[in-house]
Amino acid sequence: MIQETSILVAYFSCTGTTRRVAEKVAKAAQAALFEIKPAQPYTAADLNWHDRASRSSVEMSDPTSRPALAGIPPHLDSYDTLFIGFPIWWYVAPTLINTFIEQINWTGKRLIPFATSGGSGIEHCEAQLHRQYPHAAWRSGRLLNGNPSAEQLAAWIAEVLKA
């Protein structure tokens, strides 16, 4: 007998890349979808990683940075599995993801990261999340660059939900 789960795909995306992947993950997992948004949206200047004074550069250089969220998903307690998607910044999850994780009660929930990246793998990012939140029930994440097929996503989701 397959145990039914209630699944949420929560994602953060500035350029739309991670959003497009999150939508495909949600469809493949038959999950609800929620966009993680900062209270103060990022501008193009904020995202200029070449500028050490840009908002994203300042946030990512401060491990205690926790940008405010615009909101959290309603009825979050009703989900037992959360896929958390984000672009990789400076080899790790954006600090907004830490804000999100710290705002939710993840007791009894499976957390499954997925990411998009222009050049980084997800391994360092996953290791950091596991160190920061060691008591969370992490499942193996995936870097989802390009255009993963529905079949590829379904196979990964089935595998990670069995764990």
Protein backbone atom coordinates (compact mmCIF):
# COMPACT_ATOMS: atom_id res chain seq x y z
CA MET A 1 0.00 0.00 0.00
CA ILE A 2 1.40 3.42 -0.96
CA GLN A 3 1.13 5.97 1.81
CA GLU A 4 -0.38 9.24 0.63
CA THR A 5 1.59 12.37 1.29
CA SER A 6 0.80 16.02 1.18
CA ILE A 7 3.50 17.76 -0.82
CA LEU A 8 4.47 21.40 -1.23
CA VAL A 9 7.01 22.74 -3.68
CA ALA A 10 8.31 26.04 -2.29
CA TYR A 11 10.77 27.95 -4.42
CA PHE A 12 12.70 31.20 -4.69
CA SER A 13 13.49 32.57 -8.14
CA CYS A 14 14.74 35.96 -9.28
CA THR A 15 15.08 35.41 -13.00
CA GLY A 16 12.40 32.79 -13.61
CA THR A 17 14.80 29.87 -14.11
CA THR A 18 14.07 28.19 -10.78
CA ARG A 19 10.36 29.03 -11.10
CA ARG A 20 10.11 27.12 -14.39
CA VAL A 21 11.77 24.07 -12.82
CA ALA A 22 9.63 24.33 -9.66
CA GLU A 23 6.47 24.33 -11.74
CA LYS A 24 7.60 21.12 -13.44
CA VAL A 25 8.51 19.52 -10.08
CA ALA A 26 5.11 20.45 -8.65
CA LYS A 27 3.33 18.98 -11.66
CA ALA A 28 5.37 15.75 -11.53
CA ALA A 29 4.83 15.41 -7.76
CA GLN A 30 1.16 16.45 -7.92
CA ALA A 31 2.07 19.05 -5.33
CA ALA A 32 0.97 22.51 -4.28
CA LEU A 33 3.25 25.36 -5.38
CA PHE A 34 4.41 28.36 -3.36
CA GLU A 35 6.81 31.13 -4.33
CA ILE A 36 9.17 32.22 -1.55
CA LYS A 37 9.40 35.99 -1.92
CA PRO A 38 11.48 38.52 -0.07
CA ALA A 39 9.54 41.32 1.65
CA GLN A 40 11.68 43.72 -0.39
CA PRO A 41 11.96 42.40 -3.97
CA TYR A 42 15.43 42.20 -5.50
CA THR A 43 16.33 44.66 -8.24
CA ALA A 44 18.86 43.99 -10.98
CA ALA A 45 21.35 46.15 -9.05
CA ASP A 46 20.70 44.08 -5.91
CA LEU A 47 21.66 40.93 -7.82
CA ASN A 48 24.92 42.26 -9.26
CA TRP A 49 27.33 39.76 -7.77
CA HIS A 50 30.27 41.68 -9.28
CA ASP A 51 29.47 44.56 -6.91
CA ARG A 52 30.59 43.76 -3.35
CA ALA A 53 28.17 46.42 -2.07
CA SER A 54 25.12 44.96 -3.83
CA ARG A 55 22.37 43.65 -1.61
CA SER A 56 22.90 40.00 -2.56
CA SER A 57 26.67 40.27 -2.06
CA VAL A 58 26.23 41.83 1.38
CA GLU A 59 23.62 39.23 2.42
CA MET A 60 25.70 36.30 1.20
CA SER A 61 28.85 37.54 2.95
CA ASP A 62 27.02 37.62 6.29
CA PRO A 63 26.11 34.12 7.56
CA THR A 64 23.62 35.67 10.00
CA SER A 65 21.72 37.55 7.29
CA ARG A 66 18.04 36.64 7.21
CA PRO A 67 16.13 38.77 4.71
CA ALA A 68 12.48 39.18 5.63
CA LEU A 69 9.89 37.10 3.80
CA ALA A 70 6.80 38.51 2.11
CA GLY A 71 4.87 35.60 3.67
CA ILE A 72 4.78 31.88 4.30
CA PRO A 73 2.45 29.31 2.78
CA PRO A 74 -0.97 28.98 4.38
CA HIS A 75 -1.67 25.67 6.10
CA LEU A 76 2.01 24.79 6.09
CA ASP A 77 1.49 22.28 8.90
CA SER A 78 -0.68 20.17 6.60
CA TYR A 79 2.27 19.26 4.35
CA ASP A 80 4.56 16.38 5.26
CA THR A 81 6.97 16.79 2.34
CA LEU A 82 8.55 20.07 1.25
CA PHE A 83 10.60 20.38 -1.90
CA ILE A 84 12.60 23.60 -1.50
CA GLY A 85 13.96 25.11 -4.71
CA PHE A 86 16.43 27.94 -5.22
CA PRO A 87 19.26 29.20 -7.37
CA ILE A 88 22.72 28.53 -5.96
CA TRP A 89 24.47 31.75 -4.94
CA TRP A 90 28.12 31.66 -3.89
CA TYR A 91 27.96 27.82 -3.78
CA VAL A 92 25.11 27.80 -1.22
CA ALA A 93 21.40 28.55 -0.90
CA PRO A 94 20.48 32.24 -0.81
CA THR A 95 20.08 33.50 2.76
CA LEU A 96 16.36 33.96 2.07
CA ILE A 97 16.11 30.15 2.08
CA ASN A 98 17.51 30.13 5.63
CA THR A 99 14.82 32.62 6.61
CA PHE A 100 12.18 30.33 5.12
CA ILE A 101 13.51 27.16 6.78
CA GLU A 102 13.72 28.93 10.14
CA GLN A 103 10.12 30.16 9.86
CA ILE A 104 8.61 26.71 9.44
CA ASN A 105 8.10 23.86 11.85
CA TRP A 106 9.82 21.05 9.96
CA THR A 107 9.32 18.45 12.68
CA GLY A 108 7.99 15.34 10.97
CA LYS A 109 8.46 16.80 7.50
CA ARG A 110 10.76 15.58 4.75
CA LEU A 111 12.81 18.41 3.25
CA ILE A 112 14.10 17.91 -0.27
CA PRO A 113 16.26 20.61 -1.82
CA PHE A 114 16.58 21.24 -5.53
CA ALA A 115 18.54 23.95 -7.22
CA THR A 116 19.49 25.63 -10.43
CA SER A 117 22.95 26.99 -11.10
CA GLY A 118 25.06 28.51 -13.79
CA GLY A 119 28.12 26.53 -12.74
CA SER A 120 27.92 25.10 -9.21
CA GLY A 121 26.89 21.64 -8.11
CA ILE A 122 24.42 21.08 -5.28
CA GLU A 123 26.73 18.98 -3.06
CA HIS A 124 28.32 21.86 -1.11
CA CYS A 125 24.96 23.53 -0.74
CA GLU A 126 23.34 20.36 0.62
CA ALA A 127 26.19 19.79 3.06
CA GLN A 128 25.81 23.32 4.41
CA LEU A 129 22.03 22.95 4.85
CA HIS A 130 22.55 19.65 6.68
CA ARG A 131 25.11 21.31 9.00
CA GLN A 132 22.87 24.30 9.66
CA TYR A 133 19.73 22.25 10.27
CA PRO A 134 20.99 18.83 11.42
CA HIS A 135 17.71 17.70 12.94
CA ALA A 136 15.69 18.19 9.77
CA ALA A 137 14.70 15.06 7.86
CA TRP A 138 16.67 15.87 4.71
CA ARG A 139 16.38 13.74 1.61
CA SER A 140 18.80 13.73 -1.28
CA GLY A 141 18.46 16.83 -3.41
CA ARG A 142 19.08 17.37 -7.08
CA LEU A 143 20.56 20.01 -9.34
CA LEU A 144 17.90 20.57 -12.01
CA ASN A 145 19.55 22.59 -14.74
CA GLY A 146 18.42 22.64 -18.31
CA ASN A 147 15.05 21.23 -19.07
CA PRO A 148 14.50 18.01 -17.11
CA SER A 149 11.83 15.81 -18.64
CA ALA A 150 8.65 14.83 -16.84
CA GLU A 151 9.94 11.24 -16.80
CA GLN A 152 13.27 12.25 -15.22
CA LEU A 153 11.48 14.28 -12.56
CA ALA A 154 8.96 11.53 -11.84
CA ALA A 155 11.76 8.98 -11.40
CA TRP A 156 13.69 11.27 -9.02
CA ILE A 157 10.57 12.14 -7.02
CA ALA A 158 9.55 8.48 -6.68
CA GLU A 159 13.07 7.59 -5.54
CA VAL A 160 13.36 10.41 -3.00
CA LEU A 161 9.88 9.81 -1.55
CA LYS A 162 10.70 6.11 -0.95
CA ALA A 163 13.71 7.04 1.21
